[in-house]
C-alpha atoms as a PDB file:
ATOM      1  CA  MET A   1     -15.924   6.860 -24.049  1.00  0.00           C
ATOM      2  CA  ALA A   2     -12.793   5.118 -22.791  1.00  0.00           C
ATOM      3  CA  LYS A   3     -13.043   2.651 -19.933  1.00  0.00           C
ATOM      4  CA  PRO A   4     -11.601   4.111 -16.691  1.00  0.00           C
ATOM      5  CA  LYS A   5      -8.154   2.831 -15.815  1.00  0.00           C
ATOM      6  CA  VAL A   6      -7.720   0.589 -12.820  1.00  0.00           C
ATOM      7  CA  VAL A   7      -4.820   1.567 -10.570  1.00  0.00           C
ATOM      8  CA  VAL A   8      -3.558  -0.737  -7.836  1.00  0.00           C
ATOM      9  CA  ALA A   9      -1.634   0.563  -4.834  1.00  0.00           C
ATOM     10  CA  SER A  10      -0.527  -1.486  -1.854  1.00  0.00           C
ATOM     11  CA  GLY A  11       0.906  -1.151   1.618  1.00  0.00           C
ATOM     12  CA  ARG A  12       0.719  -2.000   5.294  1.00  0.00           C
ATOM     13  CA  PHE A  13      -1.148   1.200   6.257  1.00  0.00           C
ATOM     14  CA  ASP A  14      -0.755   0.462   9.942  1.00  0.00           C
ATOM     15  CA  LEU A  15      -0.929   4.040  11.200  1.00  0.00           C
ATOM     16  CA  ILE A  16      -2.418   6.131   8.431  1.00  0.00           C
ATOM     17  CA  HIS A  17      -0.812   9.544   8.039  1.00  0.00           C
ATOM     18  CA  LYS A  18      -0.593  12.387   5.536  1.00  0.00           C
ATOM     19  CA  ALA A  19       2.096  10.727   3.388  1.00  0.00           C
ATOM     20  CA  HIS A  20      -0.172   7.682   2.947  1.00  0.00           C
ATOM     21  CA  ILE A  21      -3.027   9.898   1.792  1.00  0.00           C
ATOM     22  CA  ARG A  22      -0.753  11.714  -0.686  1.00  0.00           C
ATOM     23  CA  TYR A  23       0.532   8.360  -1.989  1.00  0.00           C
ATOM     24  CA  LEU A  24      -3.027   7.184  -2.640  1.00  0.00           C
ATOM     25  CA  GLU A  25      -4.031  10.503  -4.242  1.00  0.00           C
ATOM     26  CA  ARG A  26      -1.011  10.402  -6.570  1.00  0.00           C
ATOM     27  CA  ALA A  27      -1.575   6.735  -7.364  1.00  0.00           C
ATOM     28  CA  LYS A  28      -5.143   7.450  -8.447  1.00  0.00           C
ATOM     29  CA  ALA A  29      -4.050  10.514 -10.427  1.00  0.00           C
ATOM     30  CA  ALA A  30      -1.570   8.316 -12.338  1.00  0.00           C
ATOM     31  CA  GLY A  31      -4.597   6.672 -13.962  1.00  0.00           C
ATOM     32  CA  GLY A  32      -5.958   9.932 -15.312  1.00  0.00           C
ATOM     33  CA  PRO A  33      -9.518  11.259 -15.170  1.00  0.00           C
ATOM     34  CA  GLY A  34     -12.058   8.753 -13.919  1.00  0.00           C
ATOM     35  CA  ALA A  35      -9.449   6.238 -12.742  1.00  0.00           C
ATOM     36  CA  LYS A  36     -10.493   3.670 -10.154  1.00  0.00           C
ATOM     37  CA  LEU A  37      -8.110   3.061  -7.258  1.00  0.00           C
ATOM     38  CA  VAL A  38      -7.926  -0.411  -5.737  1.00  0.00           C
ATOM     39  CA  VAL A  39      -5.806  -0.641  -2.596  1.00  0.00           C
ATOM     40  CA  VAL A  40      -4.283  -3.933  -1.484  1.00  0.00           C
ATOM     41  CA  VAL A  41      -3.736  -4.022   2.283  1.00  0.00           C
ATOM     42  CA  ALA A  42      -1.008  -6.335   3.572  1.00  0.00           C
ATOM     43  CA  ARG A  43      -2.002  -9.279   5.747  1.00  0.00           C
ATOM     44  CA  ASP A  44      -1.090  -9.302   9.450  1.00  0.00           C
ATOM     45  CA  ARG A  45       1.275 -12.255   9.177  1.00  0.00           C
ATOM     46  CA  LEU A  46       3.151 -10.631   6.307  1.00  0.00           C
ATOM     47  CA  VAL A  47       3.512  -7.377   8.265  1.00  0.00           C
ATOM     48  CA  LYS A  48       4.877  -9.325  11.226  1.00  0.00           C
ATOM     49  CA  ARG A  49       7.307 -11.218   9.005  1.00  0.00           C
ATOM     50  CA  GLU A  50       8.519  -8.011   7.361  1.00  0.00           C
ATOM     51  CA  THR A  51       8.779  -5.822  10.465  1.00  0.00           C
ATOM     52  CA  GLY A  52       9.271  -8.377  13.228  1.00  0.00           C
ATOM     53  CA  ALA A  53       6.263  -7.040  15.134  1.00  0.00           C
ATOM     54  CA  ASP A  54       2.512  -7.357  15.024  1.00  0.00           C
ATOM     55  CA  PRO A  55       0.826  -4.397  13.351  1.00  0.00           C
ATOM     56  CA  THR A  56      -0.821  -1.877  15.668  1.00  0.00           C
ATOM     57  CA  PHE A  57      -4.172  -2.482  13.959  1.00  0.00           C
ATOM     58  CA  ASP A  58      -5.252  -5.882  12.659  1.00  0.00           C
ATOM     59  CA  GLU A  59      -5.788  -6.416   8.929  1.00  0.00           C
ATOM     60  CA  LYS A  60      -9.579  -6.035   9.072  1.00  0.00           C
ATOM     61  CA  SER A  61      -9.272  -2.709  10.902  1.00  0.00           C
ATOM     62  CA  ARG A  62      -6.632  -1.448   8.457  1.00  0.00           C
ATOM     63  CA  LEU A  63      -8.808  -2.572   5.539  1.00  0.00           C
ATOM     64  CA  TYR A  64     -11.812  -0.728   7.006  1.00  0.00           C
ATOM     65  CA  MET A  65      -9.798   2.476   7.490  1.00  0.00           C
ATOM     66  CA  ILE A  66      -8.434   2.384   3.943  1.00  0.00           C
ATOM     67  CA  ARG A  67     -11.928   1.815   2.521  1.00  0.00           C
ATOM     68  CA  THR A  68     -13.128   5.043   4.128  1.00  0.00           C
ATOM     69  CA  LEU A  69     -10.525   7.252   2.426  1.00  0.00           C
ATOM     70  CA  LYS A  70     -11.714   9.567  -0.315  1.00  0.00           C
ATOM     71  CA  PRO A  71      -9.331   8.477  -3.117  1.00  0.00           C
ATOM     72  CA  VAL A  72     -10.067   4.755  -2.591  1.00  0.00           C
ATOM     73  CA  ASP A  73     -12.697   3.102  -4.778  1.00  0.00           C
ATOM     74  CA  ARG A  74     -12.098  -0.423  -3.525  1.00  0.00           C
ATOM     75  CA  ALA A  75      -9.852  -2.046  -0.912  1.00  0.00           C
ATOM     76  CA  VAL A  76      -8.967  -5.704  -0.562  1.00  0.00           C
ATOM     77  CA  LEU A  77      -6.738  -7.803   1.649  1.00  0.00           C
ATOM     78  CA  GLY A  78      -3.628  -9.001  -0.107  1.00  0.00           C
ATOM     79  CA  PRO A  79      -2.750 -12.616  -0.738  1.00  0.00           C
ATOM     80  CA  SER A  80      -1.596 -14.520   2.323  1.00  0.00           C
ATOM     81  CA  THR A  81       1.368 -16.125   0.581  1.00  0.00           C
ATOM     82  CA  TYR A  82       4.857 -15.370   1.871  1.00  0.00           C
ATOM     83  CA  ASP A  83       6.173 -15.476  -1.700  1.00  0.00           C
ATOM     84  CA  LEU A  84       6.044 -11.897  -2.993  1.00  0.00           C
ATOM     85  CA  LYS A  85       6.206 -12.898  -6.652  1.00  0.00           C
ATOM     86  CA  SER A  86       3.313 -15.314  -6.241  1.00  0.00           C
ATOM     87  CA  GLY A  87       1.296 -12.612  -4.468  1.00  0.00           C
ATOM     88  CA  ILE A  88       1.978 -10.062  -7.207  1.00  0.00           C
ATOM     89  CA  ARG A  89       1.008 -12.608  -9.859  1.00  0.00           C
ATOM     90  CA  ARG A  90      -2.288 -13.275  -8.049  1.00  0.00           C
ATOM     91  CA  ILE A  91      -3.053  -9.559  -7.774  1.00  0.00           C
ATOM     92  CA  ILE A  92      -2.338  -8.989 -11.469  1.00  0.00           C
ATOM     93  CA  LEU A  93      -4.498 -11.911 -12.582  1.00  0.00           C
ATOM     94  CA  LYS A  94      -7.355 -11.068 -10.203  1.00  0.00           C
ATOM     95  CA  LEU A  95      -7.489  -7.269 -10.574  1.00  0.00           C
ATOM     96  CA  LYS A  96      -6.019  -6.862 -14.098  1.00  0.00           C
ATOM     97  CA  PRO A  97      -4.754  -3.350 -13.333  1.00  0.00           C
ATOM     98  CA  ASP A  98      -3.764  -0.860 -16.003  1.00  0.00           C
ATOM     99  CA  ILE A  99      -1.282   0.643 -13.538  1.00  0.00           C
ATOM    100  CA  ILE A 100       0.482  -0.585 -10.419  1.00  0.00           C
ATOM    101  CA  ALA A 101       1.573   2.385  -8.306  1.00  0.00           C
ATOM    102  CA  ILE A 102       4.636   1.651  -6.217  1.00  0.00           C
ATOM    103  CA  GLY A 103       5.646   3.853  -3.281  1.00  0.00           C
ATOM    104  CA  TYR A 104       9.128   5.353  -3.036  1.00  0.00           C
ATOM    105  CA  ASP A 105      10.013   2.972  -0.190  1.00  0.00           C
ATOM    106  CA  GLN A 106       8.803  -0.137  -2.014  1.00  0.00           C
ATOM    107  CA  LYS A 107      11.919  -0.704  -4.173  1.00  0.00           C
ATOM    108  CA  TRP A 108      11.847  -4.459  -3.570  1.00  0.00           C
ATOM    109  CA  ILE A 109       8.198  -4.670  -4.658  1.00  0.00           C
ATOM    110  CA  TYR A 110       8.973  -2.651  -7.794  1.00  0.00           C
ATOM    111  CA  SER A 111      11.770  -5.002  -8.872  1.00  0.00           C
ATOM    112  CA  GLN A 112       9.715  -8.099  -8.057  1.00  0.00           C
ATOM    113  CA  ALA A 113       6.649  -6.775  -9.929  1.00  0.00           C
ATOM    114  CA  LYS A 114       8.808  -5.993 -12.948  1.00  0.00           C
ATOM    115  CA  GLU A 115      10.241  -9.536 -12.920  1.00  0.00           C
ATOM    116  CA  VAL A 116       6.786 -11.110 -12.552  1.00  0.00           C
ATOM    117  CA  MET A 117       5.391  -9.089 -15.445  1.00  0.00           C
ATOM    118  CA  GLU A 118       8.339 -10.094 -17.634  1.00  0.00           C
ATOM    119  CA  GLU A 119       7.951 -13.773 -16.672  1.00  0.00           C
ATOM    120  CA  MET A 120       4.211 -13.601 -17.442  1.00  0.00           C
ATOM    121  CA  LYS A 121       4.856 -11.632 -20.641  1.00  0.00           C
ATOM    122  CA  TRP A 122       2.277  -9.244 -19.189  1.00  0.00           C
ATOM    123  CA  HIS A 123       2.484  -5.935 -21.022  1.00  0.00           C
ATOM    124  CA  LYS A 124      -1.007  -4.681 -20.152  1.00  0.00           C
ATOM    125  CA  THR A 125       0.083  -3.099 -16.887  1.00  0.00           C
ATOM    126  CA  LYS A 126       2.370  -0.120 -16.369  1.00  0.00           C
ATOM    127  CA  LEU A 127       4.504   0.224 -13.239  1.00  0.00           C
ATOM    128  CA  VAL A 128       4.586   3.751 -11.839  1.00  0.00           C
ATOM    129  CA  ARG A 129       6.813   4.963  -8.992  1.00  0.00           C
ATOM    130  CA  ILE A 130       5.211   7.489  -6.649  1.00  0.00           C
ATOM    131  CA  ARG A 131       7.706   9.960  -5.256  1.00  0.00           C
ATOM    132  CA  ARG A 132       8.340  10.494  -1.572  1.00  0.00           C
ATOM    133  CA  PHE A 133       6.291  12.971   0.406  1.00  0.00           C
ATOM    134  CA  ASP A 134       8.045  14.478   3.377  1.00  0.00           C
ATOM    135  CA  TYR A 135       5.816  16.242   5.843  1.00  0.00           C
ATOM    136  CA  GLY A 136       8.317  16.531   8.613  1.00  0.00           C
ATOM    137  CA  TYR A 137       8.994  14.002  11.297  1.00  0.00           C
ATOM    138  CA  LEU A 138       5.398  12.716  11.329  1.00  0.00           C
ATOM    139  CA  SER A 139       5.687  11.338   7.775  1.00  0.00           C
ATOM    140  CA  HIS A 140       6.536   7.815   8.891  1.00  0.00           C
ATOM    141  CA  SER A 141       4.518   5.285  10.873  1.00  0.00           C
ATOM    142  CA  SER A 142       7.555   4.246  12.927  1.00  0.00           C
ATOM    143  CA  THR A 143       8.129   7.842  14.064  1.00  0.00           C
ATOM    144  CA  ILE A 144       4.480   8.187  15.060  1.00  0.00           C
ATOM    145  CA  LYS A 145       4.614   4.887  17.001  1.00  0.00           C
ATOM    146  CA  ASN A 146       7.747   6.025  18.847  1.00  0.00           C
ATOM    147  CA  LEU A 147       6.152   9.372  19.700  1.00  0.00           C
ATOM    148  CA  ILE A 148       3.032   7.682  21.049  1.00  0.00           C
ATOM    149  CA  ALA A 149       5.124   5.216  23.064  1.00  0.00           C
ATOM    150  CA  SER A 150       7.203   7.990  24.607  1.00  0.00           C
ATOM    151  CA  ASN A 151       4.081   9.984  25.495  1.00  0.00           C
ATOM    152  CA  VAL A 152       2.490   6.957  27.110  1.00  0.00           C
ATOM    153  CA  LYS A 153       5.638   6.251  29.147  1.00  0.00           C
ATOM    154  CA  GLY A 154       5.819   9.903  30.236  1.00  0.00           C
ATOM    155  CA  LYS A 155       2.232   9.841  31.514  1.00  0.00           C
ATOM    156  CA  ARG A 156       2.461   6.601  33.495  1.00  0.00           C
ATOM    157  CA  ARG A 157       2.201   6.941  37.238  1.00  0.00           C
ATOM    158  CA  THR A 158       4.399   4.831  39.437  1.00  0.00           C
END
């Protein structure tokens, strides 16, 4: 019997929504039957550096929420380095994935992962792009945050 494939997916996962769930389901499916999905959750300081704002939920809360999702077999916090290539290298060496599933909006990560794997002469891992899932205007964390903010403002009493 063949050893199950290890698939790694990553993200901020600040406000989990349907598109995140579909991304994780498709990532796991990319590994075939019996695949194990390991999700790497971005560190708070990296989210702040990338977005310019603190995440809504801290890294431990986001890690906990991801761990509870059905497709996820294991979840870990990502490396704390600001250097994306160094972080990808660490993930590859630590988790030794068969597949790294990259989301449609993670073009920069895809190109950096490809470069790292070429530099390492690492041919054991396949990069897979997961297509976009559009479930209307609530398919993006930023849209959900804006909606919540506008509802909170509308309910404030002066």
